[in-house]
Amino acid sequence: YAMGWFRQAPGKQRDMVAKISSSGSTHYADSVVGRF
């Protein structure tokens, strides 16, 4: 139904980086918009 990428730095929580639905709609974390 969807796939995504999350990341976790040492000592920090796991955060969403980007996700995409099976239909192709996407959502990005503000910190990676325009780069990822």
ModelCIF file with pLDDT and N, C-alpha, C, O atoms, coordinates in Angstrom:
data_MODEL
#
_entry.id   MODEL 
#
_entity.id                         1 
_entity.type                       polymer 
_entity.pdbx_number_of_molecules   1 
#
_entity_poly.entity_id                      1 
_entity_poly.type                           'polypeptide(L)' 
_entity_poly.nstd_linkage                   no 
_entity_poly.nstd_monomer                   no 
_entity_poly.pdbx_seq_one_letter_code       YAMGWFRQAPGKQRDMVAKISSSGSTHYADSVVGRF 
_entity_poly.pdbx_seq_one_letter_code_can   YAMGWFRQAPGKQRDMVAKISSSGSTHYADSVVGRF 
_entity_poly.pdbx_strand_id                 A 
#
loop_
_entity_poly_seq.entity_id 
_entity_poly_seq.num 
_entity_poly_seq.mon_id 
_entity_poly_seq.hetero 
1 1  TYR n 
1 2  ALA n 
1 3  MET n 
1 4  GLY n 
1 5  TRP n 
1 6  PHE n 
1 7  ARG n 
1 8  GLN n 
1 9  ALA n 
1 10 PRO n 
1 11 GLY n 
1 12 LYS n 
1 13 GLN n 
1 14 ARG n 
1 15 ASP n 
1 16 MET n 
1 17 VAL n 
1 18 ALA n 
1 19 LYS n 
1 20 ILE n 
1 21 SER n 
1 22 SER n 
1 23 SER n 
1 24 GLY n 
1 25 SER n 
1 26 THR n 
1 27 HIS n 
1 28 TYR n 
1 29 ALA n 
1 30 ASP n 
1 31 SER n 
1 32 VAL n 
1 33 VAL n 
1 34 GLY n 
1 35 ARG n 
1 36 PHE n 
#
_struct_asym.id          A 
_struct_asym.entity_id   1 
#
loop_
_ma_qa_metric.id 
_ma_qa_metric.mode 
_ma_qa_metric.name 
_ma_qa_metric.software_group_id 
_ma_qa_metric.type 
1 global pLDDT . pLDDT 
2 local  pLDDT . pLDDT 
#
_ma_qa_metric_global.metric_id      1 
_ma_qa_metric_global.metric_value   96.31 
_ma_qa_metric_global.model_id       1 
_ma_qa_metric_global.ordinal_id     1 
#
loop_
_ma_qa_metric_local.label_asym_id 
_ma_qa_metric_local.label_comp_id 
_ma_qa_metric_local.label_seq_id 
_ma_qa_metric_local.metric_id 
_ma_qa_metric_local.metric_value 
_ma_qa_metric_local.model_id 
_ma_qa_metric_local.ordinal_id 
A TYR 1  2 93.00 1 1  
A ALA 2  2 95.00 1 2  
A MET 3  2 96.00 1 3  
A GLY 4  2 97.00 1 4  
A TRP 5  2 98.00 1 5  
A PHE 6  2 98.00 1 6  
A ARG 7  2 98.00 1 7  
A GLN 8  2 98.00 1 8  
A ALA 9  2 96.00 1 9  
A PRO 10 2 92.00 1 10 
A GLY 11 2 94.00 1 11 
A LYS 12 2 96.00 1 12 
A GLN 13 2 97.00 1 13 
A ARG 14 2 97.00 1 14 
A ASP 15 2 97.00 1 15 
A MET 16 2 98.00 1 16 
A VAL 17 2 98.00 1 17 
A ALA 18 2 98.00 1 18 
A LYS 19 2 97.00 1 19 
A ILE 20 2 96.00 1 20 
A SER 21 2 94.00 1 21 
A SER 22 2 89.00 1 22 
A SER 23 2 90.00 1 23 
A GLY 24 2 91.00 1 24 
A SER 25 2 96.00 1 25 
A THR 26 2 98.00 1 26 
A HIS 27 2 98.00 1 27 
A TYR 28 2 98.00 1 28 
A ALA 29 2 98.00 1 29 
A ASP 30 2 98.00 1 30 
A SER 31 2 98.00 1 31 
A VAL 32 2 98.00 1 32 
A VAL 33 2 98.00 1 33 
A GLY 34 2 98.00 1 34 
A ARG 35 2 98.00 1 35 
A PHE 36 2 98.00 1 36 
#
loop_
_atom_site.group_PDB 
_atom_site.id 
_atom_site.type_symbol 
_atom_site.label_atom_id 
_atom_site.label_alt_id 
_atom_site.label_comp_id 
_atom_site.label_asym_id 
_atom_site.label_entity_id 
_atom_site.label_seq_id 
_atom_site.pdbx_PDB_ins_code 
_atom_site.Cartn_x 
_atom_site.Cartn_y 
_atom_site.Cartn_z 
_atom_site.occupancy 
_atom_site.B_iso_or_equiv 
_atom_site.pdbx_formal_charge 
_atom_site.auth_seq_id 
_atom_site.auth_comp_id 
_atom_site.auth_asym_id 
_atom_site.auth_atom_id 
_atom_site.pdbx_PDB_model_num 
ATOM 1   N N  . TYR A 1 1  ? 0.818  -1.198 0.000  1.00 93.00 ? 1  TYR A N  1 
ATOM 2   C CA . TYR A 1 1  ? 0.000  0.000  0.000  1.00 93.00 ? 1  TYR A CA 1 
ATOM 3   C C  . TYR A 1 1  ? 0.864  1.265  0.000  1.00 93.00 ? 1  TYR A C  1 
ATOM 4   O O  . TYR A 1 1  ? 0.472  2.298  -0.542 1.00 93.00 ? 1  TYR A O  1 
ATOM 5   N N  . ALA A 1 2  ? 2.018  1.169  0.602  1.00 95.00 ? 2  ALA A N  1 
ATOM 6   C CA . ALA A 1 2  ? 2.949  2.302  0.647  1.00 95.00 ? 2  ALA A CA 1 
ATOM 7   C C  . ALA A 1 2  ? 4.326  1.785  1.024  1.00 95.00 ? 2  ALA A C  1 
ATOM 8   O O  . ALA A 1 2  ? 4.466  0.720  1.625  1.00 95.00 ? 2  ALA A O  1 
ATOM 9   N N  . MET A 1 3  ? 5.335  2.556  0.662  1.00 96.00 ? 3  MET A N  1 
ATOM 10  C CA . MET A 1 3  ? 6.696  2.269  1.111  1.00 96.00 ? 3  MET A CA 1 
ATOM 11  C C  . MET A 1 3  ? 7.320  3.575  1.566  1.00 96.00 ? 3  MET A C  1 
ATOM 12  O O  . MET A 1 3  ? 6.895  4.660  1.169  1.00 96.00 ? 3  MET A O  1 
ATOM 13  N N  . GLY A 1 4  ? 8.321  3.450  2.396  1.00 97.00 ? 4  GLY A N  1 
ATOM 14  C CA . GLY A 1 4  ? 8.919  4.674  2.917  1.00 97.00 ? 4  GLY A CA 1 
ATOM 15  C C  . GLY A 1 4  ? 10.324 4.453  3.407  1.00 97.00 ? 4  GLY A C  1 
ATOM 16  O O  . GLY A 1 4  ? 10.812 3.325  3.481  1.00 97.00 ? 4  GLY A O  1 
ATOM 17  N N  . TRP A 1 5  ? 10.961 5.545  3.739  1.00 98.00 ? 5  TRP A N  1 
ATOM 18  C CA . TRP A 1 5  ? 12.295 5.549  4.327  1.00 98.00 ? 5  TRP A CA 1 
ATOM 19  C C  . TRP A 1 5  ? 12.260 6.366  5.613  1.00 98.00 ? 5  TRP A C  1 
ATOM 20  O O  . TRP A 1 5  ? 11.717 7.470  5.664  1.00 98.00 ? 5  TRP A O  1 
ATOM 21  N N  . PHE A 1 6  ? 12.846 5.794  6.629  1.00 98.00 ? 6  PHE A N  1 
ATOM 22  C CA . PHE A 1 6  ? 12.980 6.446  7.920  1.00 98.00 ? 6  PHE A CA 1 
ATOM 23  C C  . PHE A 1 6  ? 14.468 6.442  8.272  1.00 98.00 ? 6  PHE A C  1 
ATOM 24  O O  . PHE A 1 6  ? 15.244 5.675  7.703  1.00 98.00 ? 6  PHE A O  1 
ATOM 25  N N  . ARG A 1 7  ? 14.854 7.293  9.204  1.00 98.00 ? 7  ARG A N  1 
ATOM 26  C CA . ARG A 1 7  ? 16.254 7.278  9.638  1.00 98.00 ? 7  ARG A CA 1 
ATOM 27  C C  . ARG A 1 7  ? 16.340 7.516  11.140 1.00 98.00 ? 7  ARG A C  1 
ATOM 28  O O  . ARG A 1 7  ? 15.485 8.154  11.756 1.00 98.00 ? 7  ARG A O  1 
ATOM 29  N N  . GLN A 1 8  ? 17.410 6.972  11.692 1.00 98.00 ? 8  GLN A N  1 
ATOM 30  C CA . GLN A 1 8  ? 17.631 7.104  13.125 1.00 98.00 ? 8  GLN A CA 1 
ATOM 31  C C  . GLN A 1 8  ? 19.099 7.376  13.378 1.00 98.00 ? 8  GLN A C  1 
ATOM 32  O O  . GLN A 1 8  ? 19.958 6.548  13.075 1.00 98.00 ? 8  GLN A O  1 
ATOM 33  N N  . ALA A 1 9  ? 19.378 8.537  13.933 1.00 96.00 ? 9  ALA A N  1 
ATOM 34  C CA . ALA A 1 9  ? 20.734 8.902  14.326 1.00 96.00 ? 9  ALA A CA 1 
ATOM 35  C C  . ALA A 1 9  ? 20.964 8.438  15.760 1.00 96.00 ? 9  ALA A C  1 
ATOM 36  O O  . ALA A 1 9  ? 20.000 8.237  16.499 1.00 96.00 ? 9  ALA A O  1 
ATOM 37  N N  . PRO A 1 10 ? 22.208 8.265  16.168 1.00 92.00 ? 10 PRO A N  1 
ATOM 38  C CA . PRO A 1 10 ? 22.488 7.812  17.534 1.00 92.00 ? 10 PRO A CA 1 
ATOM 39  C C  . PRO A 1 10 ? 21.848 8.717  18.577 1.00 92.00 ? 10 PRO A C  1 
ATOM 40  O O  . PRO A 1 10 ? 21.993 9.939  18.532 1.00 92.00 ? 10 PRO A O  1 
ATOM 41  N N  . GLY A 1 11 ? 21.140 8.103  19.512 1.00 94.00 ? 11 GLY A N  1 
ATOM 42  C CA . GLY A 1 11 ? 20.513 8.852  20.585 1.00 94.00 ? 11 GLY A CA 1 
ATOM 43  C C  . GLY A 1 11 ? 19.254 9.587  20.213 1.00 94.00 ? 11 GLY A C  1 
ATOM 44  O O  . GLY A 1 11 ? 18.700 10.326 21.026 1.00 94.00 ? 11 GLY A O  1 
ATOM 45  N N  . LYS A 1 12 ? 18.791 9.394  18.984 1.00 96.00 ? 12 LYS A N  1 
ATOM 46  C CA . LYS A 1 12 ? 17.593 10.103 18.534 1.00 96.00 ? 12 LYS A CA 1 
ATOM 47  C C  . LYS A 1 12 ? 16.504 9.111  18.138 1.00 96.00 ? 12 LYS A C  1 
ATOM 48  O O  . LYS A 1 12 ? 16.767 7.921  17.963 1.00 96.00 ? 12 LYS A O  1 
ATOM 49  N N  . GLN A 1 13 ? 15.298 9.607  18.000 1.00 97.00 ? 13 GLN A N  1 
ATOM 50  C CA . GLN A 1 13 ? 14.197 8.746  17.593 1.00 97.00 ? 13 GLN A CA 1 
ATOM 51  C C  . GLN A 1 13 ? 14.239 8.503  16.093 1.00 97.00 ? 13 GLN A C  1 
ATOM 52  O O  . GLN A 1 13 ? 14.910 9.215  15.346 1.00 97.00 ? 13 GLN A O  1 
ATOM 53  N N  . ARG A 1 14 ? 13.509 7.481  15.674 1.00 97.00 ? 14 ARG A N  1 
ATOM 54  C CA . ARG A 1 14 ? 13.410 7.178  14.254 1.00 97.00 ? 14 ARG A CA 1 
ATOM 55  C C  . ARG A 1 14 ? 12.382 8.118  13.622 1.00 97.00 ? 14 ARG A C  1 
ATOM 56  O O  . ARG A 1 14 ? 11.240 8.198  14.075 1.00 97.00 ? 14 ARG A O  1 
ATOM 57  N N  . ASP A 1 15 ? 12.796 8.818  12.584 1.00 97.00 ? 15 ASP A N  1 
ATOM 58  C CA . ASP A 1 15 ? 11.941 9.807  11.941 1.00 97.00 ? 15 ASP A CA 1 
ATOM 59  C C  . ASP A 1 15 ? 11.690 9.449  10.482 1.00 97.00 ? 15 ASP A C  1 
ATOM 60  O O  . ASP A 1 15 ? 12.531 8.837  9.823  1.00 97.00 ? 15 ASP A O  1 
ATOM 61  N N  . MET A 1 16 ? 10.552 9.828  10.005 1.00 98.00 ? 16 MET A N  1 
ATOM 62  C CA . MET A 1 16 ? 10.213 9.631  8.595  1.00 98.00 ? 16 MET A CA 1 
ATOM 63  C C  . MET A 1 16 ? 11.038 10.574 7.736  1.00 98.00 ? 16 MET A C  1 
ATOM 64  O O  . MET A 1 16 ? 11.182 11.756 8.051  1.00 98.00 ? 16 MET A O  1 
ATOM 65  N N  . VAL A 1 17 ? 11.575 10.043 6.652  1.00 98.00 ? 17 VAL A N  1 
ATOM 66  C CA . VAL A 1 17 ? 12.307 10.845 5.676  1.00 98.00 ? 17 VAL A CA 1 
ATOM 67  C C  . VAL A 1 17 ? 11.435 11.106 4.456  1.00 98.00 ? 17 VAL A C  1 
ATOM 68  O O  . VAL A 1 17 ? 11.289 12.244 4.010  1.00 98.00 ? 17 VAL A O  1 
ATOM 69  N N  . ALA A 1 18 ? 10.862 10.039 3.928  1.00 98.00 ? 18 ALA A N  1 
ATOM 70  C CA . ALA A 1 18 ? 10.016 10.147 2.739  1.00 98.00 ? 18 ALA A CA 1 
ATOM 71  C C  . ALA A 1 18 ? 9.149  8.910  2.655  1.00 98.00 ? 18 ALA A C  1 
ATOM 72  O O  . ALA A 1 18 ? 9.539  7.830  3.100  1.00 98.00 ? 18 ALA A O  1 
ATOM 73  N N  . LYS A 1 19 ? 7.967  9.076  2.081  1.00 97.00 ? 19 LYS A N  1 
ATOM 74  C CA . LYS A 1 19 ? 7.106  7.927  1.853  1.00 97.00 ? 19 LYS A CA 1 
ATOM 75  C C  . LYS A 1 19 ? 6.352  8.118  0.557  1.00 97.00 ? 19 LYS A C  1 
ATOM 76  O O  . LYS A 1 19 ? 6.153  9.238  0.085  1.00 97.00 ? 19 LYS A O  1 
ATOM 77  N N  . ILE A 1 20 ? 5.938  6.996  -0.006 1.00 96.00 ? 20 ILE A N  1 
ATOM 78  C CA . ILE A 1 20 ? 5.249  7.012  -1.288 1.00 96.00 ? 20 ILE A CA 1 
ATOM 79  C C  . ILE A 1 20 ? 4.161  5.954  -1.263 1.00 96.00 ? 20 ILE A C  1 
ATOM 80  O O  . ILE A 1 20 ? 4.376  4.835  -0.796 1.00 96.00 ? 20 ILE A O  1 
ATOM 81  N N  . SER A 1 21 ? 3.002  6.316  -1.764 1.00 94.00 ? 21 SER A N  1 
ATOM 82  C CA . SER A 1 21 ? 1.903  5.364  -1.813 1.00 94.00 ? 21 SER A CA 1 
ATOM 83  C C  . SER A 1 21 ? 2.002  4.533  -3.088 1.00 94.00 ? 21 SER A C  1 
ATOM 84  O O  . SER A 1 21 ? 2.793  4.833  -3.982 1.00 94.00 ? 21 SER A O  1 
ATOM 85  N N  . SER A 1 22 ? 1.192  3.491  -3.154 1.00 89.00 ? 22 SER A N  1 
ATOM 86  C CA . SER A 1 22 ? 1.195  2.646  -4.346 1.00 89.00 ? 22 SER A CA 1 
ATOM 87  C C  . SER A 1 22 ? 0.728  3.412  -5.573 1.00 89.00 ? 22 SER A C  1 
ATOM 88  O O  . SER A 1 22 ? 1.025  3.020  -6.702 1.00 89.00 ? 22 SER A O  1 
ATOM 89  N N  . SER A 1 23 ? -0.007 4.508  -5.357 1.00 90.00 ? 23 SER A N  1 
ATOM 90  C CA . SER A 1 23 ? -0.463 5.338  -6.474 1.00 90.00 ? 23 SER A CA 1 
ATOM 91  C C  . SER A 1 23 ? 0.565  6.382  -6.874 1.00 90.00 ? 23 SER A C  1 
ATOM 92  O O  . SER A 1 23 ? 0.402  7.060  -7.889 1.00 90.00 ? 23 SER A O  1 
ATOM 93  N N  . GLY A 1 24 ? 1.642  6.518  -6.070 1.00 91.00 ? 24 GLY A N  1 
ATOM 94  C CA . GLY A 1 24 ? 2.720  7.429  -6.429 1.00 91.00 ? 24 GLY A CA 1 
ATOM 95  C C  . GLY A 1 24 ? 2.732  8.750  -5.699 1.00 91.00 ? 24 GLY A C  1 
ATOM 96  O O  . GLY A 1 24 ? 3.615  9.572  -5.945 1.00 91.00 ? 24 GLY A O  1 
ATOM 97  N N  . SER A 1 25 ? 1.791  8.983  -4.815 1.00 96.00 ? 25 SER A N  1 
ATOM 98  C CA . SER A 1 25 ? 1.811  10.237 -4.060 1.00 96.00 ? 25 SER A CA 1 
ATOM 99  C C  . SER A 1 25 ? 2.922  10.189 -3.022 1.00 96.00 ? 25 SER A C  1 
ATOM 100 O O  . SER A 1 25 ? 3.157  9.152  -2.401 1.00 96.00 ? 25 SER A O  1 
ATOM 101 N N  . THR A 1 26 ? 3.597  11.303 -2.839 1.00 98.00 ? 26 THR A N  1 
ATOM 102 C CA . THR A 1 26 ? 4.789  11.340 -1.994 1.00 98.00 ? 26 THR A CA 1 
ATOM 103 C C  . THR A 1 26 ? 4.654  12.364 -0.869 1.00 98.00 ? 26 THR A C  1 
ATOM 104 O O  . THR A 1 26 ? 3.866  13.307 -0.939 1.00 98.00 ? 26 THR A O  1 
ATOM 105 N N  . HIS A 1 27 ? 5.452  12.137 0.164  1.00 98.00 ? 27 HIS A N  1 
ATOM 106 C CA . HIS A 1 27 ? 5.519  13.075 1.282  1.00 98.00 ? 27 HIS A CA 1 
ATOM 107 C C  . HIS A 1 27 ? 6.938  13.038 1.810  1.00 98.00 ? 27 HIS A C  1 
ATOM 108 O O  . HIS A 1 27 ? 7.532  11.970 1.952  1.00 98.00 ? 27 HIS A O  1 
ATOM 109 N N  . TYR A 1 28 ? 7.488  14.233 2.103  1.00 98.00 ? 28 TYR A N  1 
ATOM 110 C CA . TYR A 1 28 ? 8.873  14.340 2.553  1.00 98.00 ? 28 TYR A CA 1 
ATOM 111 C C  . TYR A 1 28 ? 8.969  15.095 3.872  1.00 98.00 ? 28 TYR A C  1 
ATOM 112 O O  . TYR A 1 28 ? 8.151  15.964 4.173  1.00 98.00 ? 28 TYR A O  1 
ATOM 113 N N  . ALA A 1 29 ? 9.968  14.749 4.636  1.00 98.00 ? 29 ALA A N  1 
ATOM 114 C CA . ALA A 1 29 ? 10.319 15.573 5.787  1.00 98.00 ? 29 ALA A CA 1 
ATOM 115 C C  . ALA A 1 29 ? 10.841 16.917 5.273  1.00 98.00 ? 29 ALA A C  1 
ATOM 116 O O  . ALA A 1 29 ? 11.485 16.987 4.226  1.00 98.00 ? 29 ALA A O  1 
ATOM 117 N N  . ASP A 1 30 ? 10.553 17.979 6.026  1.00 98.00 ? 30 ASP A N  1 
ATOM 118 C CA . ASP A 1 30 ? 10.976 19.310 5.600  1.00 98.00 ? 30 ASP A CA 1 
ATOM 119 C C  . ASP A 1 30 ? 12.484 19.398 5.366  1.00 98.00 ? 30 ASP A C  1 
ATOM 120 O O  . ASP A 1 30 ? 12.942 20.119 4.479  1.00 98.00 ? 30 ASP A O  1 
ATOM 121 N N  . SER A 1 31 ? 13.242 18.666 6.161  1.00 98.00 ? 31 SER A N  1 
ATOM 122 C CA . SER A 1 31 ? 14.702 18.769 6.100  1.00 98.00 ? 31 SER A CA 1 
ATOM 123 C C  . SER A 1 31 ? 15.302 18.194 4.821  1.00 98.00 ? 31 SER A C  1 
ATOM 124 O O  . SER A 1 31 ? 16.471 18.444 4.526  1.00 98.00 ? 31 SER A O  1 
ATOM 125 N N  . VAL A 1 32 ? 14.521 17.427 4.054  1.00 98.00 ? 32 VAL A N  1 
ATOM 126 C CA . VAL A 1 32 ? 15.076 16.810 2.850  1.00 98.00 ? 32 VAL A CA 1 
ATOM 127 C C  . VAL A 1 32 ? 14.403 17.286 1.573  1.00 98.00 ? 32 VAL A C  1 
ATOM 128 O O  . VAL A 1 32 ? 14.784 16.873 0.477  1.00 98.00 ? 32 VAL A O  1 
ATOM 129 N N  . VAL A 1 33 ? 13.415 18.140 1.705  1.00 98.00 ? 33 VAL A N  1 
ATOM 130 C CA . VAL A 1 33 ? 12.717 18.628 0.513  1.00 98.00 ? 33 VAL A CA 1 
ATOM 131 C C  . VAL A 1 33 ? 13.705 19.320 -0.429 1.00 98.00 ? 33 VAL A C  1 
ATOM 132 O O  . VAL A 1 33 ? 14.501 20.164 -0.017 1.00 98.00 ? 33 VAL A O  1 
ATOM 133 N N  . GLY A 1 34 ? 13.629 18.942 -1.687 1.00 98.00 ? 34 GLY A N  1 
ATOM 134 C CA . GLY A 1 34 ? 14.513 19.516 -2.692 1.00 98.00 ? 34 GLY A CA 1 
ATOM 135 C C  . GLY A 1 34 ? 15.836 18.809 -2.825 1.00 98.00 ? 34 GLY A C  1 
ATOM 136 O O  . GLY A 1 34 ? 16.585 19.072 -3.766 1.00 98.00 ? 34 GLY A O  1 
ATOM 137 N N  . ARG A 1 35 ? 16.143 17.916 -1.902 1.00 98.00 ? 35 ARG A N  1 
ATOM 138 C CA . ARG A 1 35 ? 17.414 17.172 -1.952 1.00 98.00 ? 35 ARG A CA 1 
ATOM 139 C C  . ARG A 1 35 ? 17.197 15.676 -2.162 1.00 98.00 ? 35 ARG A C  1 
ATOM 140 O O  . ARG A 1 35 ? 17.986 15.036 -2.856 1.00 98.00 ? 35 ARG A O  1 
ATOM 141 N N  . PHE A 1 36 ? 16.165 15.119 -1.587 1.00 98.00 ? 36 PHE A N  1 
ATOM 142 C CA . PHE A 1 36 ? 15.894 13.684 -1.680 1.00 98.00 ? 36 PHE A CA 1 
ATOM 143 C C  . PHE A 1 36 ? 14.670 13.447 -2.560 1.00 98.00 ? 36 PHE A C  1 
ATOM 144 O O  . PHE A 1 36 ? 14.272 12.301 -2.767 1.00 98.00 ? 36 PHE A O  1 
#
